[in-house]
Amino acid sequence: MLGDSNYSWRAKLERAHELTRTLEVETQQFLQRDPAPWVGFGGHSLDLKEFVFMAASRGLPPARFGVIAGEVIHHLRSSLDHIVWQLAVKKIGAPSPRLQFPIFTKQDGYNDALKRGALRGIGPAALAVLENLQPFKQPTPADTILAVVQELNNIDKHRLLVVLSTAAQIGNTIRIADGPWHFPGEKKMAGIVGMSPPATVALTAQGVRVFSIQFSAPAPGIIAHASVEVNLAFEKAGATTNFPVIRGLDHLSAGVSDTLDRLEALL
């Protein structure tokens, strides 16, 4: 299997990885700056039956983050075109300028691209693999790696990818002060009856709910502490909102690498 970085598609993939690591360092520096670009706090609801963890954004990330993320996506998308070009070179020597790696969530669009010469000359074996890789072959086409790469690449052609200032989720540590406590005058002790499902939420300057603990009765004496994890996220990728930037880019890179592996086997 070809894995040497001298192959242009692999060089593109390596560059995407390098840029992701650069972005990872810079985003961590942003999140760890003093004063922090976000603040977390907690308190009881008005009826005292819930303890709510809140977080608020205190600053926007640099536009540079969107620029770097766009470069990563460009290299991922471009690597796919590069290997398709090489497949055609192997078969016919002089590929058509219309040649590209088509990515479609609907088969009609894919068929039209083939009629326009998107894969002319690559050979039947490669053509069969490329069709099986198409998002429209999957149960949720818009959420496939290739569809998300295509979507983000198209966005980046016209405007910066939207990188949220911060997106928060509850961490792995939740501590509740010793109890039980009960509301003065109440005989029934308050117990925990539920917790909100973990989710990643986009922070605003006004503050948003990140997580909550529900009690069976008013519980003013119960004080909870929890870790809150904050990262940068894309506004949307496929059907996913608050798509984490670093983990998301690594996930997309791994998926593109797997696709390249399958096509390299045909060279």
C-alpha atoms as a PDB file:
ATOM      1  CA  MET A   1       0.000   0.000   0.000  1.00  0.00           C
ATOM      2  CA  LEU A   2       1.217   3.494  -0.782  1.00  0.00           C
ATOM      3  CA  GLY A   3       1.857   5.470   2.354  1.00  0.00           C
ATOM      4  CA  ASP A   4       4.813   7.645   1.446  1.00  0.00           C
ATOM      5  CA  SER A   5       4.234  11.369   1.969  1.00  0.00           C
ATOM      6  CA  ASN A   6       5.684  11.922  -1.541  1.00  0.00           C
ATOM      7  CA  TYR A   7       2.257  10.965  -2.839  1.00  0.00           C
ATOM      8  CA  SER A   8       0.403  14.245  -3.036  1.00  0.00           C
ATOM      9  CA  TRP A   9      -2.779  13.025  -1.362  1.00  0.00           C
ATOM     10  CA  ARG A  10      -0.842  11.783   1.654  1.00  0.00           C
ATOM     11  CA  ALA A  11       1.145  15.009   1.807  1.00  0.00           C
ATOM     12  CA  LYS A  12      -2.172  16.866   1.883  1.00  0.00           C
ATOM     13  CA  LEU A  13      -3.387  14.672   4.714  1.00  0.00           C
ATOM     14  CA  GLU A  14      -0.176  15.213   6.690  1.00  0.00           C
ATOM     15  CA  ARG A  15      -0.531  18.965   6.267  1.00  0.00           C
ATOM     16  CA  ALA A  16      -4.105  18.780   7.545  1.00  0.00           C
ATOM     17  CA  HIS A  17      -2.822  16.950  10.618  1.00  0.00           C
ATOM     18  CA  GLU A  18      -0.074  19.538  11.209  1.00  0.00           C
ATOM     19  CA  LEU A  19      -2.555  22.407  10.977  1.00  0.00           C
ATOM     20  CA  THR A  20      -4.936  20.649  13.358  1.00  0.00           C
ATOM     21  CA  ARG A  21      -2.159  20.340  15.945  1.00  0.00           C
ATOM     22  CA  THR A  22      -1.331  24.035  15.483  1.00  0.00           C
ATOM     23  CA  LEU A  23      -4.982  24.910  15.978  1.00  0.00           C
ATOM     24  CA  GLU A  24      -5.157  22.664  19.049  1.00  0.00           C
ATOM     25  CA  VAL A  25      -2.309  24.544  20.721  1.00  0.00           C
ATOM     26  CA  GLU A  26      -3.749  27.952  19.888  1.00  0.00           C
ATOM     27  CA  THR A  27      -7.277  27.099  21.014  1.00  0.00           C
ATOM     28  CA  GLN A  28      -5.979  25.761  24.338  1.00  0.00           C
ATOM     29  CA  GLN A  29      -4.013  28.966  24.835  1.00  0.00           C
ATOM     30  CA  PHE A  30      -7.192  30.909  24.145  1.00  0.00           C
ATOM     31  CA  LEU A  31      -9.265  28.872  26.604  1.00  0.00           C
ATOM     32  CA  GLN A  32      -6.587  29.064  29.310  1.00  0.00           C
ATOM     33  CA  ARG A  33      -5.866  32.764  29.027  1.00  0.00           C
ATOM     34  CA  ASP A  34      -6.307  35.114  31.969  1.00  0.00           C
ATOM     35  CA  PRO A  35      -8.989  36.366  32.228  1.00  0.00           C
ATOM     36  CA  ALA A  36     -10.693  33.257  30.888  1.00  0.00           C
ATOM     37  CA  PRO A  37     -13.005  33.645  27.873  1.00  0.00           C
ATOM     38  CA  TRP A  38     -15.785  31.958  29.831  1.00  0.00           C
ATOM     39  CA  VAL A  39     -17.136  31.816  33.367  1.00  0.00           C
ATOM     40  CA  GLY A  40     -19.072  29.064  35.161  1.00  0.00           C
ATOM     41  CA  PHE A  41     -21.413  29.362  38.142  1.00  0.00           C
ATOM     42  CA  GLY A  42     -24.182  27.417  39.853  1.00  0.00           C
ATOM     43  CA  GLY A  43     -27.191  27.984  42.047  1.00  0.00           C
ATOM     44  CA  HIS A  44     -30.692  26.924  43.019  1.00  0.00           C
ATOM     45  CA  SER A  45     -33.783  27.436  40.921  1.00  0.00           C
ATOM     46  CA  LEU A  46     -36.486  29.729  42.281  1.00  0.00           C
ATOM     47  CA  ASP A  47     -38.480  26.809  43.681  1.00  0.00           C
ATOM     48  CA  LEU A  48     -35.298  25.346  45.249  1.00  0.00           C
ATOM     49  CA  LYS A  49     -36.010  21.963  43.647  1.00  0.00           C
ATOM     50  CA  GLU A  50     -33.154  22.147  41.209  1.00  0.00           C
ATOM     51  CA  PHE A  51     -29.469  23.016  41.306  1.00  0.00           C
ATOM     52  CA  VAL A  52     -28.398  24.474  37.970  1.00  0.00           C
ATOM     53  CA  PHE A  53     -24.913  24.799  36.529  1.00  0.00           C
ATOM     54  CA  MET A  54     -24.542  27.773  34.202  1.00  0.00           C
ATOM     55  CA  ALA A  55     -21.755  29.046  31.971  1.00  0.00           C
ATOM     56  CA  ALA A  56     -21.305  32.227  29.954  1.00  0.00           C
ATOM     57  CA  SER A  57     -18.968  33.377  27.228  1.00  0.00           C
ATOM     58  CA  ARG A  58     -16.724  36.372  27.863  1.00  0.00           C
ATOM     59  CA  GLY A  59     -14.989  36.698  24.528  1.00  0.00           C
ATOM     60  CA  LEU A  60     -14.992  35.681  20.874  1.00  0.00           C
ATOM     61  CA  PRO A  61     -12.232  33.518  19.426  1.00  0.00           C
ATOM     62  CA  PRO A  62      -9.866  35.029  16.840  1.00  0.00           C
ATOM     63  CA  ALA A  63     -11.000  34.835  13.216  1.00  0.00           C
ATOM     64  CA  ARG A  64      -7.692  33.049  12.619  1.00  0.00           C
ATOM     65  CA  PHE A  65      -9.203  29.882  14.103  1.00  0.00           C
ATOM     66  CA  GLY A  66     -11.785  29.747  11.325  1.00  0.00           C
ATOM     67  CA  VAL A  67      -9.071  30.365   8.733  1.00  0.00           C
ATOM     68  CA  ILE A  68      -6.908  27.477   9.986  1.00  0.00           C
ATOM     69  CA  ALA A  69      -9.894  25.140  10.267  1.00  0.00           C
ATOM     70  CA  GLY A  70     -10.813  26.008   6.679  1.00  0.00           C
ATOM     71  CA  GLU A  71      -7.306  25.144   5.532  1.00  0.00           C
ATOM     72  CA  VAL A  72      -7.571  21.740   7.221  1.00  0.00           C
ATOM     73  CA  ILE A  73     -10.861  21.031   5.470  1.00  0.00           C
ATOM     74  CA  HIS A  74      -9.447  22.210   2.126  1.00  0.00           C
ATOM     75  CA  HIS A  75      -6.532  19.770   2.346  1.00  0.00           C
ATOM     76  CA  LEU A  76      -8.838  16.897   3.287  1.00  0.00           C
ATOM     77  CA  ARG A  77     -11.124  17.614   0.353  1.00  0.00           C
ATOM     78  CA  SER A  78      -8.233  18.184  -2.037  1.00  0.00           C
ATOM     79  CA  SER A  79      -6.518  14.916  -1.084  1.00  0.00           C
ATOM     80  CA  LEU A  80      -9.533  13.036  -2.433  1.00  0.00           C
ATOM     81  CA  ASP A  81      -9.324  14.818  -5.793  1.00  0.00           C
ATOM     82  CA  HIS A  82      -5.590  14.117  -5.949  1.00  0.00           C
ATOM     83  CA  ILE A  83      -5.962  10.362  -5.619  1.00  0.00           C
ATOM     84  CA  VAL A  84      -8.785  10.232  -8.173  1.00  0.00           C
ATOM     85  CA  TRP A  85      -6.514  12.100 -10.573  1.00  0.00           C
ATOM     86  CA  GLN A  86      -3.800   9.488 -10.055  1.00  0.00           C
ATOM     87  CA  LEU A  87      -6.274   6.657 -10.657  1.00  0.00           C
ATOM     88  CA  ALA A  88      -7.120   8.199 -14.022  1.00  0.00           C
ATOM     89  CA  VAL A  89      -3.455   8.763 -14.856  1.00  0.00           C
ATOM     90  CA  LYS A  90      -2.833   5.071 -14.293  1.00  0.00           C
ATOM     91  CA  LYS A  91      -5.621   4.111 -16.699  1.00  0.00           C
ATOM     92  CA  ILE A  92      -5.580   6.715 -19.478  1.00  0.00           C
ATOM     93  CA  GLY A  93      -2.521   8.901 -18.863  1.00  0.00           C
ATOM     94  CA  ALA A  94      -4.213  12.254 -19.531  1.00  0.00           C
ATOM     95  CA  PRO A  95      -7.220  12.856 -17.246  1.00  0.00           C
ATOM     96  CA  SER A  96     -10.052  15.184 -18.124  1.00  0.00           C
ATOM     97  CA  PRO A  97     -10.044  18.621 -16.430  1.00  0.00           C
ATOM     98  CA  ARG A  98     -13.550  17.759 -15.237  1.00  0.00           C
ATOM     99  CA  LEU A  99     -12.161  14.924 -13.114  1.00  0.00           C
ATOM    100  CA  GLN A 100     -12.917  15.110  -9.393  1.00  0.00           C
ATOM    101  CA  PHE A 101     -13.899  13.008  -6.403  1.00  0.00           C
ATOM    102  CA  PRO A 102     -17.698  13.389  -6.406  1.00  0.00           C
ATOM    103  CA  ILE A 103     -19.471  13.547  -3.052  1.00  0.00           C
ATOM    104  CA  PHE A 104     -23.258  13.385  -3.080  1.00  0.00           C
ATOM    105  CA  THR A 105     -25.998  12.706  -0.576  1.00  0.00           C
ATOM    106  CA  LYS A 106     -28.427  11.852  -3.400  1.00  0.00           C
ATOM    107  CA  GLN A 107     -27.858   9.395  -6.217  1.00  0.00           C
ATOM    108  CA  ASP A 108     -29.341  11.707  -8.860  1.00  0.00           C
ATOM    109  CA  GLY A 109     -26.592  14.250  -8.229  1.00  0.00           C
ATOM    110  CA  TYR A 110     -23.936  11.561  -8.405  1.00  0.00           C
ATOM    111  CA  ASN A 111     -25.300  10.231 -11.695  1.00  0.00           C
ATOM    112  CA  ASP A 112     -25.337  13.728 -13.192  1.00  0.00           C
ATOM    113  CA  ALA A 113     -21.712  14.257 -12.131  1.00  0.00           C
ATOM    114  CA  LEU A 114     -20.707  11.056 -13.898  1.00  0.00           C
ATOM    115  CA  LYS A 115     -22.477  12.174 -17.066  1.00  0.00           C
ATOM    116  CA  ARG A 116     -20.430  15.397 -16.947  1.00  0.00           C
ATOM    117  CA  GLY A 117     -17.196  13.387 -16.787  1.00  0.00           C
ATOM    118  CA  ALA A 118     -16.346  13.652 -13.077  1.00  0.00           C
ATOM    119  CA  LEU A 119     -14.836  10.140 -13.078  1.00  0.00           C
ATOM    120  CA  ARG A 120     -14.077   9.585 -16.740  1.00  0.00           C
ATOM    121  CA  GLY A 121     -11.166   7.209 -17.278  1.00  0.00           C
ATOM    122  CA  ILE A 122     -10.616   5.852 -13.766  1.00  0.00           C
ATOM    123  CA  GLY A 123     -11.597   2.274 -14.622  1.00  0.00           C
ATOM    124  CA  PRO A 124     -14.506   0.061 -13.515  1.00  0.00           C
ATOM    125  CA  ALA A 125     -12.912  -1.228 -10.291  1.00  0.00           C
ATOM    126  CA  ALA A 126     -12.245   2.274  -8.952  1.00  0.00           C
ATOM    127  CA  LEU A 127     -15.656   3.420 -10.146  1.00  0.00           C
ATOM    128  CA  ALA A 128     -17.341   0.683  -8.121  1.00  0.00           C
ATOM    129  CA  VAL A 129     -15.385   1.594  -4.974  1.00  0.00           C
ATOM    130  CA  LEU A 130     -16.145   5.290  -5.346  1.00  0.00           C
ATOM    131  CA  GLU A 131     -19.856   4.643  -5.728  1.00  0.00           C
ATOM    132  CA  ASN A 132     -19.894   2.482  -2.587  1.00  0.00           C
ATOM    133  CA  LEU A 133     -18.161   5.290  -0.690  1.00  0.00           C
ATOM    134  CA  GLN A 134     -20.861   7.811  -1.549  1.00  0.00           C
ATOM    135  CA  PRO A 135     -22.922   9.304   1.310  1.00  0.00           C
ATOM    136  CA  PHE A 136     -26.181   8.376  -0.430  1.00  0.00           C
ATOM    137  CA  LYS A 137     -25.266   4.735   0.171  1.00  0.00           C
ATOM    138  CA  GLN A 138     -25.507   5.273   3.946  1.00  0.00           C
ATOM    139  CA  PRO A 139     -28.620   5.463   6.195  1.00  0.00           C
ATOM    140  CA  THR A 140     -27.910   9.099   7.184  1.00  0.00           C
ATOM    141  CA  PRO A 141     -26.100  10.609   4.172  1.00  0.00           C
ATOM    142  CA  ALA A 142     -25.658  14.140   5.540  1.00  0.00           C
ATOM    143  CA  ASP A 143     -23.860  12.857   8.631  1.00  0.00           C
ATOM    144  CA  THR A 144     -21.215  10.819   6.815  1.00  0.00           C
ATOM    145  CA  ILE A 145     -17.615  11.978   6.972  1.00  0.00           C
ATOM    146  CA  LEU A 146     -17.393  12.698   3.253  1.00  0.00           C
ATOM    147  CA  ALA A 147     -20.623  14.726   3.279  1.00  0.00           C
ATOM    148  CA  VAL A 148     -19.435  16.813   6.240  1.00  0.00           C
ATOM    149  CA  VAL A 149     -16.055  17.452   4.574  1.00  0.00           C
ATOM    150  CA  GLN A 150     -17.869  18.560   1.422  1.00  0.00           C
ATOM    151  CA  GLU A 151     -20.269  20.770   3.363  1.00  0.00           C
ATOM    152  CA  LEU A 152     -17.564  22.535   5.371  1.00  0.00           C
ATOM    153  CA  ASN A 153     -15.375  22.940   2.296  1.00  0.00           C
ATOM    154  CA  ASN A 154     -18.220  24.610   0.394  1.00  0.00           C
ATOM    155  CA  ILE A 155     -18.865  26.958   3.309  1.00  0.00           C
ATOM    156  CA  ASP A 156     -15.200  27.900   3.535  1.00  0.00           C
ATOM    157  CA  LYS A 157     -15.148  28.896  -0.140  1.00  0.00           C
ATOM    158  CA  HIS A 158     -17.481  31.797   0.598  1.00  0.00           C
ATOM    159  CA  ARG A 159     -17.085  32.704   4.264  1.00  0.00           C
ATOM    160  CA  LEU A 160     -15.185  31.768   7.382  1.00  0.00           C
ATOM    161  CA  LEU A 161     -16.249  28.609   9.130  1.00  0.00           C
ATOM    162  CA  VAL A 162     -18.196  29.667  12.207  1.00  0.00           C
ATOM    163  CA  VAL A 163     -16.208  28.743  15.303  1.00  0.00           C
ATOM    164  CA  LEU A 164     -18.263  29.319  18.428  1.00  0.00           C
ATOM    165  CA  SER A 165     -16.575  31.260  21.187  1.00  0.00           C
ATOM    166  CA  THR A 166     -17.106  28.330  23.517  1.00  0.00           C
ATOM    167  CA  ALA A 167     -19.202  25.195  23.817  1.00  0.00           C
ATOM    168  CA  ALA A 168     -19.572  23.591  27.229  1.00  0.00           C
ATOM    169  CA  GLN A 169     -20.575  20.249  28.654  1.00  0.00           C
ATOM    170  CA  ILE A 170     -20.593  18.796  32.120  1.00  0.00           C
ATOM    171  CA  GLY A 171     -17.336  17.127  33.117  1.00  0.00           C
ATOM    172  CA  ASN A 172     -16.684  13.805  34.798  1.00  0.00           C
ATOM    173  CA  THR A 173     -16.805  15.135  38.373  1.00  0.00           C
ATOM    174  CA  ILE A 174     -19.957  16.041  40.290  1.00  0.00           C
ATOM    175  CA  ARG A 175     -19.838  16.502  44.050  1.00  0.00           C
ATOM    176  CA  ILE A 176     -22.785  17.112  46.352  1.00  0.00           C
ATOM    177  CA  ALA A 177     -22.241  18.357  49.878  1.00  0.00           C
ATOM    178  CA  ASP A 178     -23.150  15.955  52.691  1.00  0.00           C
ATOM    179  CA  GLY A 179     -26.804  15.841  53.564  1.00  0.00           C
ATOM    180  CA  PRO A 180     -29.610  15.197  53.669  1.00  0.00           C
ATOM    181  CA  TRP A 181     -31.143  18.603  54.082  1.00  0.00           C
ATOM    182  CA  HIS A 182     -34.759  19.660  53.968  1.00  0.00           C
ATOM    183  CA  PHE A 183     -36.600  22.931  53.625  1.00  0.00           C
ATOM    184  CA  PRO A 184     -37.408  24.511  57.021  1.00  0.00           C
ATOM    185  CA  GLY A 185     -40.829  23.345  58.160  1.00  0.00           C
ATOM    186  CA  GLU A 186     -40.859  20.382  55.790  1.00  0.00           C
ATOM    187  CA  LYS A 187     -40.766  16.869  57.230  1.00  0.00           C
ATOM    188  CA  LYS A 188     -39.886  15.205  53.927  1.00  0.00           C
ATOM    189  CA  MET A 189     -36.200  14.908  53.225  1.00  0.00           C
ATOM    190  CA  ALA A 190     -35.050  16.042  49.796  1.00  0.00           C
ATOM    191  CA  GLY A 191     -33.524  13.395  47.560  1.00  0.00           C
ATOM    192  CA  ILE A 192     -32.107  13.449  44.054  1.00  0.00           C
ATOM    193  CA  VAL A 193     -34.763  12.410  41.567  1.00  0.00           C
ATOM    194  CA  GLY A 194     -33.060  13.223  38.296  1.00  0.00           C
ATOM    195  CA  MET A 195     -30.277  14.881  36.326  1.00  0.00           C
ATOM    196  CA  SER A 196     -30.426  16.538  32.952  1.00  0.00           C
ATOM    197  CA  PRO A 197     -28.947  14.505  30.093  1.00  0.00           C
ATOM    198  CA  PRO A 198     -25.375  15.435  29.181  1.00  0.00           C
ATOM    199  CA  ALA A 199     -25.211  17.705  26.156  1.00  0.00           C
ATOM    200  CA  THR A 200     -22.884  20.232  24.574  1.00  0.00           C
ATOM    201  CA  VAL A 201     -24.335  23.734  24.542  1.00  0.00           C
ATOM    202  CA  ALA A 202     -23.164  26.911  22.877  1.00  0.00           C
ATOM    203  CA  LEU A 203     -22.333  29.619  25.375  1.00  0.00           C
ATOM    204  CA  THR A 204     -23.713  33.137  25.177  1.00  0.00           C
ATOM    205  CA  ALA A 205     -22.762  36.325  26.953  1.00  0.00           C
ATOM    206  CA  GLN A 206     -25.971  36.063  28.999  1.00  0.00           C
ATOM    207  CA  GLY A 207     -25.229  32.516  30.148  1.00  0.00           C
ATOM    208  CA  VAL A 208     -26.882  29.164  29.425  1.00  0.00           C
ATOM    209  CA  ARG A 209     -27.785  26.043  31.383  1.00  0.00           C
ATOM    210  CA  VAL A 210     -25.156  23.353  31.088  1.00  0.00           C
ATOM    211  CA  PHE A 211     -26.477  20.782  33.556  1.00  0.00           C
ATOM    212  CA  SER A 212     -28.957  20.466  36.403  1.00  0.00           C
ATOM    213  CA  ILE A 213     -29.781  18.205  39.344  1.00  0.00           C
ATOM    214  CA  GLN A 214     -33.421  17.800  40.357  1.00  0.00           C
ATOM    215  CA  PHE A 215     -34.610  17.167  43.933  1.00  0.00           C
ATOM    216  CA  SER A 216     -37.789  15.617  45.298  1.00  0.00           C
ATOM    217  CA  ALA A 217     -38.458  18.664  47.491  1.00  0.00           C
ATOM    218  CA  PRO A 218     -37.023  22.145  48.012  1.00  0.00           C
ATOM    219  CA  ALA A 219     -33.400  21.686  49.034  1.00  0.00           C
ATOM    220  CA  PRO A 220     -31.780  25.037  49.841  1.00  0.00           C
ATOM    221  CA  GLY A 221     -29.041  23.394  51.886  1.00  0.00           C
ATOM    222  CA  ILE A 222     -27.729  21.162  49.153  1.00  0.00           C
ATOM    223  CA  ILE A 223     -24.731  22.640  47.380  1.00  0.00           C
ATOM    224  CA  ALA A 224     -23.322  20.892  44.332  1.00  0.00           C
ATOM    225  CA  HIS A 225     -20.000  21.296  42.582  1.00  0.00           C
ATOM    226  CA  ALA A 226     -19.204  20.023  39.086  1.00  0.00           C
ATOM    227  CA  SER A 227     -16.445  20.271  36.547  1.00  0.00           C
ATOM    228  CA  VAL A 228     -17.412  21.936  33.279  1.00  0.00           C
ATOM    229  CA  GLU A 229     -15.469  21.178  30.106  1.00  0.00           C
ATOM    230  CA  VAL A 230     -15.225  23.993  27.594  1.00  0.00           C
ATOM    231  CA  ASN A 231     -13.962  23.707  24.035  1.00  0.00           C
ATOM    232  CA  LEU A 232     -14.332  25.477  20.733  1.00  0.00           C
ATOM    233  CA  ALA A 233     -16.875  24.087  18.298  1.00  0.00           C
ATOM    234  CA  PHE A 234     -18.207  24.599  14.815  1.00  0.00           C
ATOM    235  CA  GLU A 235     -21.704  26.003  14.793  1.00  0.00           C
ATOM    236  CA  LYS A 236     -22.933  23.044  12.734  1.00  0.00           C
ATOM    237  CA  ALA A 237     -21.578  20.072  10.775  1.00  0.00           C
ATOM    238  CA  GLY A 238     -24.081  17.825   9.050  1.00  0.00           C
ATOM    239  CA  ALA A 239     -26.938  17.373  11.484  1.00  0.00           C
ATOM    240  CA  THR A 240     -24.668  17.931  14.484  1.00  0.00           C
ATOM    241  CA  THR A 241     -24.677  21.281  16.249  1.00  0.00           C
ATOM    242  CA  ASN A 242     -21.740  22.414  18.404  1.00  0.00           C
ATOM    243  CA  PHE A 243     -19.378  20.079  16.521  1.00  0.00           C
ATOM    244  CA  PRO A 244     -16.067  20.069  18.476  1.00  0.00           C
ATOM    245  CA  VAL A 245     -13.304  21.652  16.420  1.00  0.00           C
ATOM    246  CA  ILE A 246     -10.254  19.559  17.328  1.00  0.00           C
ATOM    247  CA  ARG A 247     -11.927  16.203  17.934  1.00  0.00           C
ATOM    248  CA  GLY A 248     -14.101  16.838  14.911  1.00  0.00           C
ATOM    249  CA  LEU A 249     -11.197  17.614  12.578  1.00  0.00           C
ATOM    250  CA  ASP A 250      -9.312  14.542  13.810  1.00  0.00           C
ATOM    251  CA  HIS A 251     -12.405  12.417  13.175  1.00  0.00           C
ATOM    252  CA  LEU A 252     -12.773  13.781   9.647  1.00  0.00           C
ATOM    253  CA  SER A 253      -9.058  13.255   8.953  1.00  0.00           C
ATOM    254  CA  ALA A 254      -9.261   9.631  10.082  1.00  0.00           C
ATOM    255  CA  GLY A 255     -12.245   9.026   7.826  1.00  0.00           C
ATOM    256  CA  VAL A 256     -10.545  10.577   4.809  1.00  0.00           C
ATOM    257  CA  SER A 257      -7.428   8.503   5.528  1.00  0.00           C
ATOM    258  CA  ASP A 258      -9.540   5.327   5.490  1.00  0.00           C
ATOM    259  CA  THR A 259     -11.022   6.385   2.146  1.00  0.00           C
ATOM    260  CA  LEU A 260      -7.550   6.971   0.712  1.00  0.00           C
ATOM    261  CA  ASP A 261      -6.489   3.523   1.937  1.00  0.00           C
ATOM    262  CA  ARG A 262      -9.263   1.899  -0.049  1.00  0.00           C
ATOM    263  CA  LEU A 263      -8.376   3.762  -3.207  1.00  0.00           C
ATOM    264  CA  GLU A 264      -4.607   3.312  -2.847  1.00  0.00           C
ATOM    265  CA  ALA A 265      -5.191  -0.438  -3.015  1.00  0.00           C
ATOM    266  CA  LEU A 266      -6.235   0.083  -6.643  1.00  0.00           C
ATOM    267  CA  LEU A 267      -3.007   1.835  -7.694  1.00  0.00           C
END
